[in-house]
Each structure stands twice: as structure tokens, then as C-alpha cells.
């Protein structure tokens, strides 16, 4: 679901919550404000930063660095398989996931 202004973007905290990278919206806000999150290499310290398809998000999550590419903007917080189609793991984490599949 797009935010008011730009139909091709959504708030960072909503994205993290909708794609199940955060259990609650407040946890997503904490990740955005305190995890040294970067969007396309630019440091972000606010939950209302806009995320667009193609953005690369880098952040600390459960004591490891996650790097993901936004593949789609979700319209709801759906089941895990639906949420996982909205992003693509990049870097070292992607090779670990592929090996375990």
C-alpha cells in the first residue's frame, strides 16, 4: 500500500513490519531509528523514511547484518511466503539460506 504523496513508496517501518522483518510496528520503528539502517548506502535514523522498489536496505538484525533488495511493496501484513516475495536477500546471508534450502 502506498503512502500519501508518492504512490511508488511506503514508510520504512510499515515495510519492515509488513514483510515480517519486525514482529511489531514499534519494533520496526526501533530498527529504523537505532540499527544504523541504510537505504542505498544512505544512513537512516527515522521510521518515516520512504522505501521504493529496488532500494537496498542494510541493517543489524539479531546480531547479524542483513542486506535486502526491495522487490515489491506489500499491501498488507500477510503470511510469511507472501511477505518473503517482497524482498530478496543479498550478500552472505543469501548464500547461507540457499545452502539450507
C-alpha atoms as a PDB file:
ATOM      1  CA  UNK A   1       0.000   0.000   0.000  1.00  0.00           C
ATOM      2  CA  UNK A   2       1.416   3.363  -0.959  1.00  0.00           C
ATOM      3  CA  UNK A   3       1.646   6.341   1.336  1.00  0.00           C
ATOM      4  CA  UNK A   4       0.024   9.701   0.680  1.00  0.00           C
ATOM      5  CA  UNK A   5       2.367  11.614  -1.652  1.00  0.00           C
ATOM      6  CA  UNK A   6       4.318   9.106  -3.729  1.00  0.00           C
ATOM      7  CA  UNK A   7       2.306   6.071  -4.891  1.00  0.00           C
ATOM      8  CA  UNK A   8       5.545   4.155  -5.553  1.00  0.00           C
ATOM      9  CA  UNK A   9       6.824   4.258  -1.971  1.00  0.00           C
ATOM     10  CA  UNK A  10       5.906   3.384   1.606  1.00  0.00           C
ATOM     11  CA  UNK A  11       7.181   4.154   5.097  1.00  0.00           C
ATOM     12  CA  UNK A  12      10.199   2.157   6.187  1.00  0.00           C
ATOM     13  CA  UNK A  13       8.622   0.974   9.450  1.00  0.00           C
ATOM     14  CA  UNK A  14       5.490  -0.263   7.631  1.00  0.00           C
ATOM     15  CA  UNK A  15       7.634  -2.124   5.084  1.00  0.00           C
ATOM     16  CA  UNK A  16       9.690  -3.876   7.788  1.00  0.00           C
ATOM     17  CA  UNK A  17       6.524  -4.856   9.651  1.00  0.00           C
ATOM     18  CA  UNK A  18       4.532  -5.923   6.565  1.00  0.00           C
ATOM     19  CA  UNK A  19       7.352  -8.205   5.317  1.00  0.00           C
ATOM     20  CA  UNK A  20       7.749  -9.715   8.797  1.00  0.00           C
ATOM     21  CA  UNK A  21      11.287  -8.494   9.460  1.00  0.00           C
ATOM     22  CA  UNK A  22       9.861  -6.980  12.658  1.00  0.00           C
ATOM     23  CA  UNK A  23       7.254  -8.568  14.930  1.00  0.00           C
ATOM     24  CA  UNK A  24       5.546  -5.260  15.725  1.00  0.00           C
ATOM     25  CA  UNK A  25       5.367  -1.835  14.165  1.00  0.00           C
ATOM     26  CA  UNK A  26       7.130  -0.353  17.201  1.00  0.00           C
ATOM     27  CA  UNK A  27       9.934  -2.914  16.770  1.00  0.00           C
ATOM     28  CA  UNK A  28      10.204  -1.787  13.134  1.00  0.00           C
ATOM     29  CA  UNK A  29      10.476   1.827  14.304  1.00  0.00           C
ATOM     30  CA  UNK A  30      13.273   0.808  16.675  1.00  0.00           C
ATOM     31  CA  UNK A  31      15.151  -0.961  13.866  1.00  0.00           C
ATOM     32  CA  UNK A  32      14.844   2.163  11.722  1.00  0.00           C
ATOM     33  CA  UNK A  33      15.969   4.532  14.467  1.00  0.00           C
ATOM     34  CA  UNK A  34      18.662   2.516  16.264  1.00  0.00           C
ATOM     35  CA  UNK A  35      20.073  -0.173  13.967  1.00  0.00           C
ATOM     36  CA  UNK A  36      22.230   2.031  11.790  1.00  0.00           C
ATOM     37  CA  UNK A  37      19.924   1.193   8.901  1.00  0.00           C
ATOM     38  CA  UNK A  38      20.958   2.323   5.436  1.00  0.00           C
ATOM     39  CA  UNK A  39      18.894   2.732   2.296  1.00  0.00           C
ATOM     40  CA  UNK A  40      21.102   2.575  -0.793  1.00  0.00           C
ATOM     41  CA  UNK A  41      24.112   3.385   1.402  1.00  0.00           C
ATOM     42  CA  UNK A  42      22.498   6.486   2.963  1.00  0.00           C
ATOM     43  CA  UNK A  43      22.180   6.386   6.759  1.00  0.00           C
ATOM     44  CA  UNK A  44      18.581   6.495   8.020  1.00  0.00           C
ATOM     45  CA  UNK A  45      17.523   7.330  11.573  1.00  0.00           C
ATOM     46  CA  UNK A  46      13.774   7.772  11.209  1.00  0.00           C
ATOM     47  CA  UNK A  47      10.908   5.343  10.663  1.00  0.00           C
ATOM     48  CA  UNK A  48       9.099   7.579   8.180  1.00  0.00           C
ATOM     49  CA  UNK A  49      11.838   7.364   5.535  1.00  0.00           C
ATOM     50  CA  UNK A  50      10.366   6.237   2.216  1.00  0.00           C
ATOM     51  CA  UNK A  51      11.199   2.839   0.688  1.00  0.00           C
ATOM     52  CA  UNK A  52      10.836   2.162  -3.045  1.00  0.00           C
ATOM     53  CA  UNK A  53      11.138  -0.926  -5.208  1.00  0.00           C
ATOM     54  CA  UNK A  54      14.803  -1.540  -5.981  1.00  0.00           C
ATOM     55  CA  UNK A  55      16.149   0.046  -2.773  1.00  0.00           C
ATOM     56  CA  UNK A  56      18.885  -1.861  -0.939  1.00  0.00           C
ATOM     57  CA  UNK A  57      18.371  -1.963   2.847  1.00  0.00           C
ATOM     58  CA  UNK A  58      21.296  -2.770   5.138  1.00  0.00           C
ATOM     59  CA  UNK A  59      20.715  -3.130   8.876  1.00  0.00           C
ATOM     60  CA  UNK A  60      21.631  -5.037  12.018  1.00  0.00           C
ATOM     61  CA  UNK A  61      19.100  -7.770  12.812  1.00  0.00           C
ATOM     62  CA  UNK A  62      19.518 -10.426  15.516  1.00  0.00           C
ATOM     63  CA  UNK A  63      23.268  -9.765  15.842  1.00  0.00           C
ATOM     64  CA  UNK A  64      23.964 -10.052  12.118  1.00  0.00           C
ATOM     65  CA  UNK A  65      23.962  -7.679   9.194  1.00  0.00           C
ATOM     66  CA  UNK A  66      21.068  -8.155   6.758  1.00  0.00           C
ATOM     67  CA  UNK A  67      21.202  -6.843   3.212  1.00  0.00           C
ATOM     68  CA  UNK A  68      17.960  -6.994   1.249  1.00  0.00           C
ATOM     69  CA  UNK A  69      16.634  -5.577  -2.023  1.00  0.00           C
ATOM     70  CA  UNK A  70      13.027  -4.360  -2.056  1.00  0.00           C
ATOM     71  CA  UNK A  71      11.280  -6.401  -4.783  1.00  0.00           C
ATOM     72  CA  UNK A  72       7.694  -5.241  -4.191  1.00  0.00           C
ATOM     73  CA  UNK A  73       5.715  -3.019  -1.864  1.00  0.00           C
ATOM     74  CA  UNK A  74       3.305  -5.137   0.182  1.00  0.00           C
ATOM     75  CA  UNK A  75      -0.326  -4.124   0.513  1.00  0.00           C
ATOM     76  CA  UNK A  76      -0.816  -5.906   3.848  1.00  0.00           C
ATOM     77  CA  UNK A  77       0.936  -7.947   6.519  1.00  0.00           C
ATOM     78  CA  UNK A  78       0.166 -11.328   5.031  1.00  0.00           C
ATOM     79  CA  UNK A  79       1.529 -14.829   5.567  1.00  0.00           C
ATOM     80  CA  UNK A  80       5.308 -15.385   5.563  1.00  0.00           C
ATOM     81  CA  UNK A  81       5.575 -16.765   1.984  1.00  0.00           C
ATOM     82  CA  UNK A  82       3.732 -13.697   0.655  1.00  0.00           C
ATOM     83  CA  UNK A  83       5.937 -11.378   2.721  1.00  0.00           C
ATOM     84  CA  UNK A  84       9.167 -13.044   1.562  1.00  0.00           C
ATOM     85  CA  UNK A  85       8.299 -12.375  -2.084  1.00  0.00           C
ATOM     86  CA  UNK A  86       8.531  -8.638  -1.348  1.00  0.00           C
ATOM     87  CA  UNK A  87      12.291  -8.713  -0.777  1.00  0.00           C
ATOM     88  CA  UNK A  88      15.407 -10.549  -1.893  1.00  0.00           C
ATOM     89  CA  UNK A  89      18.309 -11.443   0.415  1.00  0.00           C
ATOM     90  CA  UNK A  90      21.682 -10.254  -0.872  1.00  0.00           C
ATOM     91  CA  UNK A  91      25.238 -10.990   0.162  1.00  0.00           C
ATOM     92  CA  UNK A  92      26.452 -13.609   2.618  1.00  0.00           C
ATOM     93  CA  UNK A  93      23.001 -14.277   4.147  1.00  0.00           C
ATOM     94  CA  UNK A  94      21.585 -15.252   0.754  1.00  0.00           C
ATOM     95  CA  UNK A  95      24.227 -17.940   0.227  1.00  0.00           C
ATOM     96  CA  UNK A  96      23.535 -19.368   3.716  1.00  0.00           C
ATOM     97  CA  UNK A  97      19.798 -19.512   3.009  1.00  0.00           C
ATOM     98  CA  UNK A  98      20.303 -21.159  -0.378  1.00  0.00           C
ATOM     99  CA  UNK A  99      22.525 -23.821   1.172  1.00  0.00           C
ATOM    100  CA  UNK A 100      19.903 -24.660   3.788  1.00  0.00           C
ATOM    101  CA  UNK A 101      17.043 -24.942   1.232  1.00  0.00           C
END
